[in-house]
N, C-alpha and C. Protein backbone atom coordinates (compact mmCIF):
# COMPACT_ATOMS: atom_id res chain seq x y z
N MET A 1 35.52 -36.06 -142.96
CA MET A 1 36.92 -35.73 -141.99
C MET A 1 37.63 -36.56 -140.78
N ALA A 2 38.93 -36.66 -141.36
CA ALA A 2 39.18 -37.91 -140.16
C ALA A 2 39.13 -38.18 -138.70
N LYS A 3 38.99 -39.40 -138.27
CA LYS A 3 38.69 -39.25 -136.99
C LYS A 3 39.76 -40.13 -136.09
N LYS A 4 40.08 -39.51 -134.93
CA LYS A 4 42.00 -40.53 -134.53
C LYS A 4 40.58 -41.10 -133.25
N LEU A 5 41.27 -42.68 -133.06
CA LEU A 5 40.86 -43.11 -132.01
C LEU A 5 42.06 -43.88 -131.32
N TYR A 6 41.50 -43.81 -129.98
CA TYR A 6 42.72 -44.01 -128.80
C TYR A 6 42.55 -46.05 -128.63
N VAL A 7 43.27 -46.92 -128.92
CA VAL A 7 43.46 -48.20 -128.78
C VAL A 7 44.43 -48.54 -127.43
N GLY A 8 43.86 -49.17 -126.36
CA GLY A 8 44.76 -49.50 -125.42
C GLY A 8 44.42 -50.58 -124.95
N ASN A 9 45.62 -51.21 -124.03
CA ASN A 9 45.76 -52.37 -123.20
C ASN A 9 46.29 -53.31 -124.76
N LEU A 10 47.29 -52.76 -124.99
CA LEU A 10 47.94 -53.46 -126.33
C LEU A 10 48.77 -54.25 -125.64
N SER A 11 49.35 -55.37 -126.13
CA SER A 11 50.55 -56.23 -126.02
C SER A 11 51.82 -55.28 -125.91
N TYR A 12 53.19 -55.72 -125.31
CA TYR A 12 54.53 -55.08 -126.33
C TYR A 12 54.72 -55.67 -127.38
N ASN A 13 53.75 -56.75 -128.16
CA ASN A 13 54.66 -57.08 -128.83
C ASN A 13 53.44 -56.85 -130.31
N THR A 14 52.42 -56.19 -129.86
CA THR A 14 52.18 -55.45 -130.84
C THR A 14 53.01 -54.91 -132.11
N TYR A 15 52.05 -54.84 -133.53
CA TYR A 15 52.88 -53.88 -134.29
C TYR A 15 51.82 -53.05 -135.13
N GLU A 16 52.60 -52.03 -135.66
CA GLU A 16 51.61 -51.40 -136.20
C GLU A 16 50.97 -52.03 -137.22
N GLU A 17 51.03 -52.83 -138.09
CA GLU A 17 50.68 -53.49 -139.01
C GLU A 17 49.71 -54.58 -138.91
N SER A 18 49.88 -54.92 -137.80
CA SER A 18 48.80 -55.85 -137.20
C SER A 18 47.29 -54.89 -136.91
N LEU A 19 47.55 -53.70 -136.20
CA LEU A 19 46.68 -53.03 -135.98
C LEU A 19 46.21 -52.43 -137.24
N ARG A 20 47.15 -52.56 -138.32
CA ARG A 20 46.17 -51.73 -139.38
C ARG A 20 45.42 -52.77 -140.30
N ASN A 21 45.70 -54.15 -140.16
CA ASN A 21 44.70 -55.08 -140.61
C ASN A 21 43.68 -55.35 -139.93
N LEU A 22 43.38 -54.91 -138.42
CA LEU A 22 42.89 -55.54 -137.29
C LEU A 22 41.58 -53.93 -137.95
N PHE A 23 41.91 -52.93 -138.10
CA PHE A 23 40.89 -51.52 -138.25
C PHE A 23 40.47 -51.60 -139.92
N THR A 24 41.42 -52.28 -141.21
CA THR A 24 40.91 -52.59 -142.13
C THR A 24 39.39 -52.67 -142.60
N PRO A 25 39.03 -53.75 -141.98
CA PRO A 25 37.40 -54.04 -142.78
C PRO A 25 36.53 -53.18 -142.01
N TYR A 26 36.98 -52.01 -141.18
CA TYR A 26 36.11 -50.55 -140.86
C TYR A 26 35.79 -49.53 -141.85
N GLY A 27 36.56 -49.43 -142.60
CA GLY A 27 37.15 -48.37 -143.67
C GLY A 27 38.34 -47.95 -144.01
N THR A 28 39.00 -47.09 -144.22
CA THR A 28 40.08 -46.22 -144.65
C THR A 28 40.98 -46.41 -143.40
N VAL A 29 41.95 -46.69 -143.26
CA VAL A 29 42.43 -46.12 -142.28
C VAL A 29 43.78 -45.60 -142.33
N GLU A 30 43.71 -43.83 -142.18
CA GLU A 30 44.59 -42.87 -142.35
C GLU A 30 45.85 -43.12 -141.76
N SER A 31 46.04 -43.63 -140.76
CA SER A 31 47.39 -43.57 -139.89
C SER A 31 47.54 -44.63 -139.41
N VAL A 32 48.34 -45.19 -138.67
CA VAL A 32 48.28 -46.24 -136.91
C VAL A 32 49.80 -45.29 -136.69
N LYS A 33 49.83 -45.56 -134.94
CA LYS A 33 50.88 -44.69 -134.28
C LYS A 33 51.00 -45.03 -133.01
N ILE A 34 51.77 -46.33 -132.45
CA ILE A 34 52.06 -46.89 -131.71
C ILE A 34 52.94 -46.06 -130.92
N ILE A 35 52.67 -45.42 -129.20
CA ILE A 35 52.90 -44.66 -128.36
C ILE A 35 54.48 -45.53 -127.82
N THR A 36 55.98 -45.18 -128.50
CA THR A 36 56.60 -45.55 -127.76
C THR A 36 57.48 -45.06 -126.47
N ASP A 37 58.28 -45.29 -125.76
CA ASP A 37 58.80 -44.42 -125.13
C ASP A 37 60.02 -43.78 -125.38
N ARG A 38 60.55 -42.75 -125.07
CA ARG A 38 61.31 -42.19 -125.79
C ARG A 38 63.14 -42.47 -125.66
N ASP A 39 62.64 -43.03 -124.74
CA ASP A 39 64.51 -44.04 -123.91
C ASP A 39 64.63 -45.22 -124.39
N THR A 40 63.57 -45.80 -124.55
CA THR A 40 63.79 -46.87 -125.01
C THR A 40 63.53 -47.49 -126.19
N GLY A 41 62.61 -46.75 -126.35
CA GLY A 41 61.93 -47.05 -127.84
C GLY A 41 60.84 -48.59 -127.46
N ALA A 42 60.43 -48.56 -126.46
CA ALA A 42 59.44 -49.79 -126.25
C ALA A 42 58.53 -49.34 -126.61
N SER A 43 57.15 -50.06 -126.49
CA SER A 43 55.89 -49.97 -126.59
C SER A 43 55.23 -49.33 -125.58
N LYS A 44 54.52 -48.50 -125.40
CA LYS A 44 53.68 -47.83 -124.01
C LYS A 44 52.35 -48.45 -123.53
N GLY A 45 52.32 -49.62 -124.80
CA GLY A 45 50.75 -50.03 -124.46
C GLY A 45 49.36 -49.42 -125.28
N PHE A 46 49.56 -48.65 -125.96
CA PHE A 46 48.71 -48.27 -126.62
C PHE A 46 48.91 -47.34 -127.62
N ALA A 47 47.68 -46.92 -128.65
CA ALA A 47 47.93 -46.33 -130.27
C ALA A 47 47.51 -45.17 -130.26
N PHE A 48 47.55 -44.96 -131.48
CA PHE A 48 46.44 -44.02 -132.09
C PHE A 48 45.84 -44.57 -133.57
N VAL A 49 44.79 -44.85 -134.13
CA VAL A 49 44.15 -45.10 -135.22
C VAL A 49 43.87 -43.57 -135.74
N GLU A 50 43.96 -43.70 -136.98
CA GLU A 50 42.69 -42.84 -137.33
C GLU A 50 42.24 -43.22 -139.03
N MET A 51 40.81 -42.72 -139.06
CA MET A 51 40.00 -44.05 -139.61
C MET A 51 39.88 -42.16 -140.36
N SER A 52 39.04 -42.48 -141.57
CA SER A 52 38.72 -41.67 -142.51
C SER A 52 37.71 -40.54 -142.54
N SER A 53 36.67 -41.31 -141.29
CA SER A 53 35.59 -40.47 -141.10
C SER A 53 35.07 -40.74 -140.21
N ASP A 54 34.04 -40.21 -139.67
CA ASP A 54 33.23 -40.74 -137.90
C ASP A 54 32.92 -41.69 -138.54
N GLU A 55 31.61 -41.98 -139.46
CA GLU A 55 30.87 -43.11 -139.57
C GLU A 55 32.10 -44.44 -139.61
N GLU A 56 33.38 -44.20 -139.85
CA GLU A 56 34.02 -45.55 -140.09
C GLU A 56 34.78 -46.04 -138.85
N ALA A 57 34.91 -44.62 -138.13
CA ALA A 57 35.51 -44.93 -136.64
C ALA A 57 34.37 -45.09 -135.51
N GLN A 58 33.30 -45.00 -136.42
CA GLN A 58 32.27 -45.49 -135.23
C GLN A 58 31.97 -46.68 -134.74
N ALA A 59 32.03 -47.60 -136.38
CA ALA A 59 31.82 -48.73 -137.14
C ALA A 59 33.11 -49.47 -136.30
N ALA A 60 34.54 -49.25 -136.56
CA ALA A 60 35.64 -49.80 -135.77
C ALA A 60 35.85 -49.90 -134.41
N ILE A 61 34.81 -48.59 -133.65
CA ILE A 61 34.95 -49.00 -132.46
C ILE A 61 33.93 -49.67 -131.65
N LYS A 62 32.83 -50.17 -132.43
CA LYS A 62 31.63 -51.22 -131.84
C LYS A 62 32.31 -52.26 -132.44
N GLY A 63 33.07 -52.79 -133.46
CA GLY A 63 33.57 -53.88 -133.90
C GLY A 63 34.70 -53.91 -133.26
N THR A 64 35.84 -53.43 -132.76
CA THR A 64 37.08 -53.81 -132.05
C THR A 64 37.29 -53.70 -130.61
N ASN A 65 36.11 -52.92 -129.96
CA ASN A 65 36.14 -52.46 -128.80
C ASN A 65 36.17 -54.10 -128.13
N GLY A 66 37.31 -54.32 -126.77
CA GLY A 66 36.95 -55.77 -126.19
C GLY A 66 37.52 -57.41 -127.35
N THR A 67 38.01 -56.77 -128.27
CA THR A 67 38.07 -57.57 -128.72
C THR A 67 39.66 -58.14 -128.22
N GLU A 68 40.09 -59.22 -128.87
CA GLU A 68 41.44 -59.64 -128.28
C GLU A 68 42.54 -59.70 -129.73
N LEU A 69 43.52 -59.11 -129.24
CA LEU A 69 44.71 -58.97 -130.19
C LEU A 69 46.13 -59.41 -129.36
N ASP A 70 46.77 -60.29 -130.20
CA ASP A 70 47.75 -60.40 -129.54
C ASP A 70 47.74 -60.72 -128.28
N GLY A 71 46.54 -61.52 -127.87
CA GLY A 71 46.65 -61.96 -126.04
C GLY A 71 46.24 -60.86 -125.61
N ARG A 72 45.62 -59.89 -125.82
CA ARG A 72 45.06 -59.08 -124.54
C ARG A 72 43.75 -57.86 -125.08
N SER A 73 42.90 -58.25 -124.16
CA SER A 73 41.72 -57.70 -124.94
C SER A 73 42.33 -55.87 -124.81
N ILE A 74 41.33 -55.84 -125.93
CA ILE A 74 42.07 -53.71 -126.21
C ILE A 74 40.95 -52.71 -125.87
N LYS A 75 41.04 -51.91 -125.40
CA LYS A 75 40.20 -50.83 -125.40
C LYS A 75 39.88 -49.75 -126.21
N VAL A 76 39.27 -49.36 -127.57
CA VAL A 76 38.87 -48.44 -128.15
C VAL A 76 38.07 -47.31 -128.25
N ASN A 77 38.50 -46.27 -128.02
CA ASN A 77 36.88 -45.46 -128.11
C ASN A 77 38.11 -43.83 -128.65
N GLU A 78 36.99 -43.42 -128.90
CA GLU A 78 37.67 -41.97 -129.45
C GLU A 78 38.80 -41.26 -128.69
N ALA A 79 39.57 -40.68 -129.67
CA ALA A 79 41.27 -40.36 -128.77
C ALA A 79 40.42 -38.71 -128.61
N MET A 80 40.92 -38.53 -127.07
CA MET A 80 40.41 -37.23 -126.72
C MET A 80 41.90 -36.24 -126.75
N ASP A 81 41.56 -35.02 -127.02
CA ASP A 81 42.83 -34.18 -127.25
C ASP A 81 43.31 -33.76 -125.51
N LYS A 82 44.84 -34.02 -125.80
CA LYS A 82 45.80 -33.72 -125.05
C LYS A 82 45.51 -32.42 -124.38
N PRO A 83 45.26 -32.12 -123.15
CA PRO A 83 45.22 -30.72 -122.18
C PRO A 83 46.39 -30.44 -122.44
N ARG A 84 46.27 -28.71 -123.04
CA ARG A 84 47.20 -28.32 -122.88
C ARG A 84 48.28 -27.37 -121.14
N ARG A 85 49.19 -28.06 -121.22
CA ARG A 85 49.86 -27.42 -120.26
C ARG A 85 50.53 -25.84 -120.34
N GLU A 86 49.79 -25.02 -119.23
CA GLU A 86 50.79 -23.81 -119.35
C GLU A 86 51.58 -23.52 -119.00
N ASN A 87 52.28 -24.16 -118.16
CA ASN A 87 53.96 -24.01 -117.63
C ASN A 87 54.26 -25.39 -117.54
N SER A 88 54.78 -25.91 -119.11
CA SER A 88 55.64 -27.15 -119.22
C SER A 88 56.70 -27.32 -118.39
N GLY A 89 57.72 -26.01 -118.04
CA GLY A 89 58.89 -25.96 -117.52
C GLY A 89 59.03 -25.90 -115.86
N GLY A 90 57.80 -27.01 -115.41
CA GLY A 90 57.51 -26.78 -113.83
C GLY A 90 57.42 -25.13 -113.08
N ASN A 91 57.20 -25.24 -112.21
CA ASN A 91 56.59 -23.22 -111.54
C ASN A 91 57.80 -22.78 -111.11
N ARG A 92 58.47 -22.00 -111.81
CA ARG A 92 59.84 -21.17 -111.65
C ARG A 92 59.58 -20.08 -110.48
N ASN A 93 58.10 -19.75 -109.82
CA ASN A 93 58.04 -18.82 -109.10
C ASN A 93 58.29 -19.20 -108.05
N ASN A 94 58.04 -20.60 -107.68
CA ASN A 94 57.68 -21.02 -106.20
C ASN A 94 59.55 -21.50 -105.57
N ARG A 95 59.89 -20.56 -104.87
CA ARG A 95 61.37 -20.94 -104.91
C ARG A 95 61.51 -21.26 -103.29
N TRP A 96 61.99 -22.41 -103.18
CA TRP A 96 61.88 -22.90 -101.46
C TRP A 96 63.05 -22.15 -101.06
């Protein structure tokens, strides 16, 4: 089963291809997604890399966490599920 990794502290000049190249020695890279600002399209400085197995993901974390990429020391760990918001539109019951 694929395992998603969080990659933080990325340079704004890092591209998905360079991330794929960094993680490929540790196993099969299923996907790479650099998160961008929806208005400007600029990188937000973090990404998600999906490895094909838990073993490959653990090897990738050990091999890449703290390494330098594009002049920045990157942080790599398992991605956490984003908590769901119950009321994403704001609390409409509180009227001022």
